[in-house]
Amino acid sequence: MSKNKLKSMPKFKSEDEEREFWATHDSTDYFDKSKMFKARFPNLKPSTKTISIRLPEYLIEKLKILANKRDVPYQSLLKMFLAEKVEDELHTAK
């Protein structure tokens, strides 16, 4: 769509309404792509959610040993291992 034919931006009553709108509409119909730039948020931390997971005690002990060797908390090491495995699985699934 040329920039002369950009659609006007609707007014939203809530974030939920806006989310629903963008789930079904193309942003290039509303914004001039030539004026866009890549945003950087260097201090933005990803959202986290606390979960409960039951692990065998021997596995936790092994994690603690490995984490101690790397001088990191075992929960952090577990997150690193999990993230690496998920990425591996996603790449091999393609």
PDB file of N, CA and C in Angstrom:
ATOM      1  N   MET A   1       0.854  -1.172   0.000  1.00  0.00           N
ATOM      2  CA  MET A   1       0.000   0.000   0.000  1.00  0.00           C
ATOM      3  C   MET A   1       0.900   1.235   0.000  1.00  0.00           C
ATOM      4  N   SER A   2       0.630   2.190  -0.881  1.00  0.00           N
ATOM      5  CA  SER A   2       1.460   3.394  -0.907  1.00  0.00           C
ATOM      6  C   SER A   2       1.139   4.278   0.282  1.00  0.00           C
ATOM      7  N   LYS A   3       2.079   5.187   0.594  1.00  0.00           N
ATOM      8  CA  LYS A   3       1.880   6.002   1.787  1.00  0.00           C
ATOM      9  C   LYS A   3       0.717   6.981   1.637  1.00  0.00           C
ATOM     10  N   ASN A   4       0.294   7.274   0.400  1.00  0.00           N
ATOM     11  CA  ASN A   4      -0.871   8.134   0.185  1.00  0.00           C
ATOM     12  C   ASN A   4      -2.153   7.437   0.608  1.00  0.00           C
ATOM     13  N   LYS A   5      -2.155   6.145   0.614  1.00  0.00           N
ATOM     14  CA  LYS A   5      -3.366   5.382   0.886  1.00  0.00           C
ATOM     15  C   LYS A   5      -3.336   4.708   2.255  1.00  0.00           C
ATOM     16  N   LEU A   6      -2.573   5.241   3.190  1.00  0.00           N
ATOM     17  CA  LEU A   6      -2.519   4.657   4.527  1.00  0.00           C
ATOM     18  C   LEU A   6      -3.864   4.831   5.214  1.00  0.00           C
ATOM     19  N   LYS A   7      -4.280   3.810   5.921  1.00  0.00           N
ATOM     20  CA  LYS A   7      -5.532   3.871   6.670  1.00  0.00           C
ATOM     21  C   LYS A   7      -5.310   4.666   7.953  1.00  0.00           C
ATOM     22  N   SER A   8      -6.375   5.314   8.429  1.00  0.00           N
ATOM     23  CA  SER A   8      -6.238   6.069   9.674  1.00  0.00           C
ATOM     24  C   SER A   8      -6.282   5.109  10.859  1.00  0.00           C
ATOM     25  N   MET A   9      -5.524   5.464  11.896  1.00  0.00           N
ATOM     26  CA  MET A   9      -5.402   4.624  13.080  1.00  0.00           C
ATOM     27  C   MET A   9      -6.673   4.713  13.921  1.00  0.00           C
ATOM     28  N   PRO A  10      -7.261   3.572  14.261  1.00  0.00           N
ATOM     29  CA  PRO A  10      -8.448   3.602  15.126  1.00  0.00           C
ATOM     30  C   PRO A  10      -8.066   3.947  16.563  1.00  0.00           C
ATOM     31  N   LYS A  11      -9.019   4.401  17.336  1.00  0.00           N
ATOM     32  CA  LYS A  11      -8.829   4.661  18.768  1.00  0.00           C
ATOM     33  C   LYS A  11      -9.255   3.402  19.514  1.00  0.00           C
ATOM     34  N   PHE A  12      -8.444   2.999  20.481  1.00  0.00           N
ATOM     35  CA  PHE A  12      -8.728   1.784  21.233  1.00  0.00           C
ATOM     36  C   PHE A  12      -9.157   2.132  22.652  1.00  0.00           C
ATOM     37  N   LYS A  13     -10.120   1.392  23.162  1.00  0.00           N
ATOM     38  CA  LYS A  13     -10.615   1.619  24.514  1.00  0.00           C
ATOM     39  C   LYS A  13      -9.768   0.895  25.557  1.00  0.00           C
ATOM     40  N   SER A  14      -9.034  -0.132  25.116  1.00  0.00           N
ATOM     41  CA  SER A  14      -8.224  -0.908  26.057  1.00  0.00           C
ATOM     42  C   SER A  14      -7.084  -1.586  25.304  1.00  0.00           C
ATOM     43  N   GLU A  15      -6.120  -2.086  26.059  1.00  0.00           N
ATOM     44  CA  GLU A  15      -5.022  -2.833  25.444  1.00  0.00           C
ATOM     45  C   GLU A  15      -5.539  -4.126  24.821  1.00  0.00           C
ATOM     46  N   ASP A  16      -6.520  -4.751  25.481  1.00  0.00           N
ATOM     47  CA  ASP A  16      -7.095  -5.982  24.921  1.00  0.00           C
ATOM     48  C   ASP A  16      -7.721  -5.723  23.561  1.00  0.00           C
ATOM     49  N   GLU A  17      -8.433  -4.617  23.441  1.00  0.00           N
ATOM     50  CA  GLU A  17      -9.054  -4.262  22.159  1.00  0.00           C
ATOM     51  C   GLU A  17      -7.985  -4.031  21.091  1.00  0.00           C
ATOM     52  N   GLU A  18      -6.910  -3.354  21.478  1.00  0.00           N
ATOM     53  CA  GLU A  18      -5.825  -3.107  20.530  1.00  0.00           C
ATOM     54  C   GLU A  18      -5.152  -4.416  20.114  1.00  0.00           C
ATOM     55  N   ARG A  19      -4.924  -5.311  21.093  1.00  0.00           N
ATOM     56  CA  ARG A  19      -4.313  -6.615  20.792  1.00  0.00           C
ATOM     57  C   ARG A  19      -5.159  -7.393  19.791  1.00  0.00           C
ATOM     58  N   GLU A  20      -6.468  -7.411  20.010  1.00  0.00           N
ATOM     59  CA  GLU A  20      -7.378  -8.110  19.099  1.00  0.00           C
ATOM     60  C   GLU A  20      -7.330  -7.512  17.696  1.00  0.00           C
ATOM     61  N   PHE A  21      -7.255  -6.177  17.644  1.00  0.00           N
ATOM     62  CA  PHE A  21      -7.185  -5.496  16.354  1.00  0.00           C
ATOM     63  C   PHE A  21      -5.934  -5.913  15.579  1.00  0.00           C
ATOM     64  N   TRP A  22      -4.760  -5.822  16.238  1.00  0.00           N
ATOM     65  CA  TRP A  22      -3.512  -6.117  15.534  1.00  0.00           C
ATOM     66  C   TRP A  22      -3.352  -7.595  15.212  1.00  0.00           C
ATOM     67  N   ALA A  23      -4.072  -8.446  15.895  1.00  0.00           N
ATOM     68  CA  ALA A  23      -4.030  -9.880  15.578  1.00  0.00           C
ATOM     69  C   ALA A  23      -4.680 -10.167  14.228  1.00  0.00           C
ATOM     70  N   THR A  24      -5.512  -9.241  13.753  1.00  0.00           N
ATOM     71  CA  THR A  24      -6.242  -9.482  12.499  1.00  0.00           C
ATOM     72  C   THR A  24      -5.985  -8.423  11.425  1.00  0.00           C
ATOM     73  N   HIS A  25      -5.072  -7.481  11.676  1.00  0.00           N
ATOM     74  CA  HIS A  25      -4.796  -6.416  10.714  1.00  0.00           C
ATOM     75  C   HIS A  25      -3.299  -6.308  10.445  1.00  0.00           C
ATOM     76  N   ASP A  26      -2.967  -5.831   9.264  1.00  0.00           N
ATOM     77  CA  ASP A  26      -1.570  -5.663   8.847  1.00  0.00           C
ATOM     78  C   ASP A  26      -1.114  -4.242   9.165  1.00  0.00           C
ATOM     79  N   SER A  27      -0.045  -4.120   9.942  1.00  0.00           N
ATOM     80  CA  SER A  27       0.438  -2.798  10.346  1.00  0.00           C
ATOM     81  C   SER A  27       0.916  -1.954   9.163  1.00  0.00           C
ATOM     82  N   THR A  28       1.318  -2.587   8.059  1.00  0.00           N
ATOM     83  CA  THR A  28       1.791  -1.818   6.904  1.00  0.00           C
ATOM     84  C   THR A  28       0.654  -1.055   6.221  1.00  0.00           C
ATOM     85  N   ASP A  29      -0.593  -1.364   6.557  1.00  0.00           N
ATOM     86  CA  ASP A  29      -1.726  -0.588   6.049  1.00  0.00           C
ATOM     87  C   ASP A  29      -1.880   0.726   6.810  1.00  0.00           C
ATOM     88  N   TYR A  30      -1.221   0.846   7.969  1.00  0.00           N
ATOM     89  CA  TYR A  30      -1.408   1.989   8.855  1.00  0.00           C
ATOM     90  C   TYR A  30      -0.143   2.821   9.070  1.00  0.00           C
ATOM     91  N   PHE A  31       1.018   2.258   8.747  1.00  0.00           N
ATOM     92  CA  PHE A  31       2.289   2.949   8.983  1.00  0.00           C
ATOM     93  C   PHE A  31       3.124   2.970   7.717  1.00  0.00           C
ATOM     94  N   ASP A  32       3.834   4.078   7.509  1.00  0.00           N
ATOM     95  CA  ASP A  32       4.738   4.212   6.374  1.00  0.00           C
ATOM     96  C   ASP A  32       6.023   3.458   6.691  1.00  0.00           C
ATOM     97  N   LYS A  33       6.232   2.351   6.003  1.00  0.00           N
ATOM     98  CA  LYS A  33       7.382   1.485   6.263  1.00  0.00           C
ATOM     99  C   LYS A  33       8.714   2.213   6.072  1.00  0.00           C
ATOM    100  N   SER A  34       8.753   3.181   5.185  1.00  0.00           N
ATOM    101  CA  SER A  34      10.017   3.891   4.925  1.00  0.00           C
ATOM    102  C   SER A  34      10.453   4.747   6.112  1.00  0.00           C
ATOM    103  N   LYS A  35       9.537   5.039   7.027  1.00  0.00           N
ATOM    104  CA  LYS A  35       9.872   5.853   8.195  1.00  0.00           C
ATOM    105  C   LYS A  35      10.120   5.013   9.448  1.00  0.00           C
ATOM    106  N   MET A  36      10.067   3.704   9.301  1.00  0.00           N
ATOM    107  CA  MET A  36      10.268   2.824  10.458  1.00  0.00           C
ATOM    108  C   MET A  36      11.756   2.633  10.728  1.00  0.00           C
ATOM    109  N   PHE A  37      12.079   2.357  11.983  1.00  0.00           N
ATOM    110  CA  PHE A  37      13.448   2.062  12.366  1.00  0.00           C
ATOM    111  C   PHE A  37      13.415   0.977  13.431  1.00  0.00           C
ATOM    112  N   LYS A  38      14.528   0.290  13.569  1.00  0.00           N
ATOM    113  CA  LYS A  38      14.624  -0.789  14.534  1.00  0.00           C
ATOM    114  C   LYS A  38      14.814  -0.210  15.929  1.00  0.00           C
ATOM    115  N   ALA A  39      13.936  -0.582  16.841  1.00  0.00           N
ATOM    116  CA  ALA A  39      14.034  -0.111  18.227  1.00  0.00           C
ATOM    117  C   ALA A  39      14.946  -1.032  19.022  1.00  0.00           C
ATOM    118  N   ARG A  40      15.663  -0.455  19.958  1.00  0.00           N
ATOM    119  CA  ARG A  40      16.533  -1.242  20.837  1.00  0.00           C
ATOM    120  C   ARG A  40      16.176  -0.912  22.275  1.00  0.00           C
ATOM    121  N   PHE A  41      16.066  -1.935  23.087  1.00  0.00           N
ATOM    122  CA  PHE A  41      15.764  -1.791  24.503  1.00  0.00           C
ATOM    123  C   PHE A  41      16.812  -2.576  25.296  1.00  0.00           C
ATOM    124  N   PRO A  42      18.010  -2.021  25.465  1.00  0.00           N
ATOM    125  CA  PRO A  42      19.102  -2.784  26.066  1.00  0.00           C
ATOM    126  C   PRO A  42      18.879  -3.167  27.527  1.00  0.00           C
ATOM    127  N   ASN A  43      18.071  -2.426  28.250  1.00  0.00           N
ATOM    128  CA  ASN A  43      17.878  -2.720  29.667  1.00  0.00           C
ATOM    129  C   ASN A  43      16.577  -3.463  29.956  1.00  0.00           C
ATOM    130  N   LEU A  44      15.869  -3.844  28.918  1.00  0.00           N
ATOM    131  CA  LEU A  44      14.601  -4.540  29.091  1.00  0.00           C
ATOM    132  C   LEU A  44      14.852  -5.997  29.450  1.00  0.00           C
ATOM    133  N   LYS A  45      14.276  -6.441  30.546  1.00  0.00           N
ATOM    134  CA  LYS A  45      14.437  -7.826  30.969  1.00  0.00           C
ATOM    135  C   LYS A  45      13.201  -8.608  30.559  1.00  0.00           C
ATOM    136  N   PRO A  46      13.381  -9.832  30.054  1.00  0.00           N
ATOM    137  CA  PRO A  46      12.214 -10.611  29.636  1.00  0.00           C
ATOM    138  C   PRO A  46      11.314 -10.927  30.826  1.00  0.00           C
ATOM    139  N   SER A  47      10.046 -11.022  30.545  1.00  0.00           N
ATOM    140  CA  SER A  47       9.091 -11.390  31.590  1.00  0.00           C
ATOM    141  C   SER A  47       9.367 -12.817  32.047  1.00  0.00           C
ATOM    142  N   THR A  48       9.187 -13.047  33.313  1.00  0.00           N
ATOM    143  CA  THR A  48       9.356 -14.400  33.834  1.00  0.00           C
ATOM    144  C   THR A  48       8.090 -14.807  34.567  1.00  0.00           C
ATOM    145  N   LYS A  49       7.907 -16.094  34.677  1.00  0.00           N
ATOM    146  CA  LYS A  49       6.765 -16.636  35.392  1.00  0.00           C
ATOM    147  C   LYS A  49       7.273 -17.743  36.297  1.00  0.00           C
ATOM    148  N   THR A  50       6.871 -17.699  37.531  1.00  0.00           N
ATOM    149  CA  THR A  50       7.275 -18.726  38.480  1.00  0.00           C
ATOM    150  C   THR A  50       6.445 -19.977  38.247  1.00  0.00           C
ATOM    151  N   ILE A  51       7.132 -21.110  38.173  1.00  0.00           N
ATOM    152  CA  ILE A  51       6.444 -22.394  38.042  1.00  0.00           C
ATOM    153  C   ILE A  51       6.969 -23.335  39.118  1.00  0.00           C
ATOM    154  N   SER A  52       6.229 -24.372  39.333  1.00  0.00           N
ATOM    155  CA  SER A  52       6.666 -25.401  40.263  1.00  0.00           C
ATOM    156  C   SER A  52       6.925 -26.665  39.456  1.00  0.00           C
ATOM    157  N   ILE A  53       8.074 -27.248  39.666  1.00  0.00           N
ATOM    158  CA  ILE A  53       8.419 -28.479  38.942  1.00  0.00           C
ATOM    159  C   ILE A  53       9.042 -29.460  39.923  1.00  0.00           C
ATOM    160  N   ARG A  54       8.605 -30.679  39.869  1.00  0.00           N
ATOM    161  CA  ARG A  54       9.146 -31.704  40.755  1.00  0.00           C
ATOM    162  C   ARG A  54      10.273 -32.437  40.030  1.00  0.00           C
ATOM    163  N   LEU A  55      11.448 -32.425  40.659  1.00  0.00           N
ATOM    164  CA  LEU A  55      12.613 -33.102  40.100  1.00  0.00           C
ATOM    165  C   LEU A  55      13.131 -34.096  41.128  1.00  0.00           C
ATOM    166  N   PRO A  56      13.682 -35.204  40.648  1.00  0.00           N
ATOM    167  CA  PRO A  56      14.283 -36.149  41.591  1.00  0.00           C
ATOM    168  C   PRO A  56      15.448 -35.477  42.336  1.00  0.00           C
ATOM    169  N   GLU A  57      15.599 -35.833  43.607  1.00  0.00           N
ATOM    170  CA  GLU A  57      16.655 -35.222  44.421  1.00  0.00           C
ATOM    171  C   GLU A  57      18.039 -35.421  43.821  1.00  0.00           C
ATOM    172  N   TYR A  58      18.281 -36.619  43.251  1.00  0.00           N
ATOM    173  CA  TYR A  58      19.608 -36.869  42.682  1.00  0.00           C
ATOM    174  C   TYR A  58      19.908 -35.898  41.548  1.00  0.00           C
ATOM    175  N   LEU A  59      18.876 -35.533  40.767  1.00  0.00           N
ATOM    176  CA  LEU A  59      19.073 -34.613  39.651  1.00  0.00           C
ATOM    177  C   LEU A  59      19.400 -33.209  40.166  1.00  0.00           C
ATOM    178  N   ILE A  60      18.716 -32.795  41.213  1.00  0.00           N
ATOM    179  CA  ILE A  60      18.992 -31.485  41.815  1.00  0.00           C
ATOM    180  C   ILE A  60      20.417 -31.450  42.364  1.00  0.00           C
ATOM    181  N   GLU A  61      20.835 -32.543  43.007  1.00  0.00           N
ATOM    182  CA  GLU A  61      22.203 -32.599  43.542  1.00  0.00           C
ATOM    183  C   GLU A  61      23.236 -32.511  42.424  1.00  0.00           C
ATOM    184  N   LYS A  62      22.995 -33.222  41.322  1.00  0.00           N
ATOM    185  CA  LYS A  62      23.917 -33.161  40.183  1.00  0.00           C
ATOM    186  C   LYS A  62      23.953 -31.753  39.593  1.00  0.00           C
ATOM    187  N   LEU A  63      22.772 -31.112  39.502  1.00  0.00           N
ATOM    188  CA  LEU A  63      22.720 -29.736  39.022  1.00  0.00           C
ATOM    189  C   LEU A  63      23.526 -28.803  39.925  1.00  0.00           C
ATOM    190  N   LYS A  64      23.401 -29.001  41.225  1.00  0.00           N
ATOM    191  CA  LYS A  64      24.133 -28.155  42.174  1.00  0.00           C
ATOM    192  C   LYS A  64      25.643 -28.330  42.020  1.00  0.00           C
ATOM    193  N   ILE A  65      26.083 -29.565  41.787  1.00  0.00           N
ATOM    194  CA  ILE A  65      27.514 -29.821  41.583  1.00  0.00           C
ATOM    195  C   ILE A  65      28.007 -29.109  40.328  1.00  0.00           C
ATOM    196  N   LEU A  66      27.255 -29.270  39.219  1.00  0.00           N
ATOM    197  CA  LEU A  66      27.637 -28.601  37.969  1.00  0.00           C
ATOM    198  C   LEU A  66      27.604 -27.086  38.112  1.00  0.00           C
ATOM    199  N   ALA A  67      26.583 -26.580  38.789  1.00  0.00           N
ATOM    200  CA  ALA A  67      26.451 -25.137  38.973  1.00  0.00           C
ATOM    201  C   ALA A  67      27.596 -24.593  39.816  1.00  0.00           C
ATOM    202  N   ASN A  68      27.981 -25.338  40.838  1.00  0.00           N
ATOM    203  CA  ASN A  68      29.090 -24.915  41.689  1.00  0.00           C
ATOM    204  C   ASN A  68      30.382 -24.817  40.883  1.00  0.00           C
ATOM    205  N   LYS A  69      30.610 -25.755  39.969  1.00  0.00           N
ATOM    206  CA  LYS A  69      31.803 -25.718  39.117  1.00  0.00           C
ATOM    207  C   LYS A  69      31.813 -24.482  38.225  1.00  0.00           C
ATOM    208  N   ARG A  70      30.614 -24.024  37.839  1.00  0.00           N
ATOM    209  CA  ARG A  70      30.497 -22.844  36.969  1.00  0.00           C
ATOM    210  C   ARG A  70      30.283 -21.557  37.762  1.00  0.00           C
ATOM    211  N   ASP A  71      30.160 -21.696  39.062  1.00  0.00           N
ATOM    212  CA  ASP A  71      29.952 -20.552  39.948  1.00  0.00           C
ATOM    213  C   ASP A  71      28.679 -19.777  39.595  1.00  0.00           C
ATOM    214  N   VAL A  72      27.595 -20.527  39.374  1.00  0.00           N
ATOM    215  CA  VAL A  72      26.272 -19.938  39.122  1.00  0.00           C
ATOM    216  C   VAL A  72      25.258 -20.657  40.000  1.00  0.00           C
ATOM    217  N   PRO A  73      24.138 -20.016  40.302  1.00  0.00           N
ATOM    218  CA  PRO A  73      23.084 -20.725  41.049  1.00  0.00           C
ATOM    219  C   PRO A  73      22.528 -21.885  40.216  1.00  0.00           C
ATOM    220  N   TYR A  74      22.149 -22.958  40.877  1.00  0.00           N
ATOM    221  CA  TYR A  74      21.691 -24.128  40.121  1.00  0.00           C
ATOM    222  C   TYR A  74      20.408 -23.841  39.347  1.00  0.00           C
ATOM    223  N   GLN A  75      19.546 -22.940  39.859  1.00  0.00           N
ATOM    224  CA  GLN A  75      18.329 -22.606  39.123  1.00  0.00           C
ATOM    225  C   GLN A  75      18.674 -21.901  37.807  1.00  0.00           C
ATOM    226  N   SER A  76      19.704 -21.068  37.842  1.00  0.00           N
ATOM    227  CA  SER A  76      20.145 -20.383  36.619  1.00  0.00           C
ATOM    228  C   SER A  76      20.715 -21.381  35.621  1.00  0.00           C
ATOM    229  N   LEU A  77      21.476 -22.328  36.118  1.00  0.00           N
ATOM    230  CA  LEU A  77      22.033 -23.354  35.241  1.00  0.00           C
ATOM    231  C   LEU A  77      20.920 -24.183  34.612  1.00  0.00           C
ATOM    232  N   LEU A  78      19.922 -24.511  35.403  1.00  0.00           N
ATOM    233  CA  LEU A  78      18.777 -25.266  34.885  1.00  0.00           C
ATOM    234  C   LEU A  78      18.080 -24.486  33.771  1.00  0.00           C
ATOM    235  N   LYS A  79      17.896 -23.176  33.953  1.00  0.00           N
ATOM    236  CA  LYS A  79      17.275 -22.346  32.913  1.00  0.00           C
ATOM    237  C   LYS A  79      18.132 -22.327  31.651  1.00  0.00           C
ATOM    238  N   MET A  80      19.463 -22.239  31.831  1.00  0.00           N
ATOM    239  CA  MET A  80      20.351 -22.233  30.668  1.00  0.00           C
ATOM    240  C   MET A  80      20.250 -23.557  29.908  1.00  0.00           C
ATOM    241  N   PHE A  81      20.300 -24.673  30.638  1.00  0.00           N
ATOM    242  CA  PHE A  81      20.192 -25.984  29.994  1.00  0.00           C
ATOM    243  C   PHE A  81      18.855 -26.133  29.272  1.00  0.00           C
ATOM    244  N   LEU A  82      17.793 -25.717  29.913  1.00  0.00           N
ATOM    245  CA  LEU A  82      16.463 -25.838  29.326  1.00  0.00           C
ATOM    246  C   LEU A  82      16.348 -24.975  28.067  1.00  0.00           C
ATOM    247  N   ALA A  83      16.842 -23.744  28.130  1.00  0.00           N
ATOM    248  CA  ALA A  83      16.787 -22.853  26.968  1.00  0.00           C
ATOM    249  C   ALA A  83      17.584 -23.419  25.792  1.00  0.00           C
ATOM    250  N   GLU A  84      18.778 -23.965  26.083  1.00  0.00           N
ATOM    251  CA  GLU A  84      19.607 -24.557  25.020  1.00  0.00           C
ATOM    252  C   GLU A  84      18.894 -25.738  24.370  1.00  0.00           C
ATOM    253  N   LYS A  85      18.309 -26.592  25.181  1.00  0.00           N
ATOM    254  CA  LYS A  85      17.633 -27.779  24.651  1.00  0.00           C
ATOM    255  C   LYS A  85      16.405 -27.399  23.823  1.00  0.00           C
ATOM    256  N   VAL A  86      15.646 -26.428  24.298  1.00  0.00           N
ATOM    257  CA  VAL A  86      14.469 -25.988  23.550  1.00  0.00           C
ATOM    258  C   VAL A  86      14.889 -25.428  22.191  1.00  0.00           C
ATOM    259  N   GLU A  87      15.932 -24.602  22.165  1.00  0.00           N
ATOM    260  CA  GLU A  87      16.422 -24.050  20.900  1.00  0.00           C
ATOM    261  C   GLU A  87      16.900 -25.169  19.966  1.00  0.00           C
ATOM    262  N   ASP A  88      17.636 -26.132  20.504  1.00  0.00           N
ATOM    263  CA  ASP A  88      18.087 -27.273  19.694  1.00  0.00           C
ATOM    264  C   ASP A  88      16.914 -28.008  19.071  1.00  0.00           C
ATOM    265  N   GLU A  89      15.907 -28.278  19.889  1.00  0.00           N
ATOM    266  CA  GLU A  89      14.728 -29.007  19.412  1.00  0.00           C
ATOM    267  C   GLU A  89      13.980 -28.220  18.350  1.00  0.00           C
ATOM    268  N   LEU A  90      13.866 -26.907  18.526  1.00  0.00           N
ATOM    269  CA  LEU A  90      13.173 -26.083  17.536  1.00  0.00           C
ATOM    270  C   LEU A  90      13.918 -26.048  16.212  1.00  0.00           C
ATOM    271  N   HIS A  91      15.253 -26.012  16.291  1.00  0.00           N
ATOM    272  CA  HIS A  91      16.033 -25.965  15.052  1.00  0.00           C
ATOM    273  C   HIS A  91      16.043 -27.309  14.321  1.00  0.00           C
ATOM    274  N   THR A  92      16.023 -28.395  15.057  1.00  0.00           N
ATOM    275  CA  THR A  92      16.023 -29.708  14.407  1.00  0.00           C
ATOM    276  C   THR A  92      14.635 -30.072  13.893  1.00  0.00           C
ATOM    277  N   ALA A  93      13.593 -29.437  14.430  1.00  0.00           N
ATOM    278  CA  ALA A  93      12.224 -29.719  13.984  1.00  0.00           C
ATOM    279  C   ALA A  93      11.931 -29.107  12.622  1.00  0.00           C
ATOM    280  N   LYS A  94      12.737 -28.114  12.204  1.00  0.00           N
ATOM    281  CA  LYS A  94      12.487 -27.413  10.923  1.00  0.00           C
ATOM    282  C   LYS A  94      12.851 -28.233   9.753  1.00  0.00           C
TER     283      LYS A  94
END
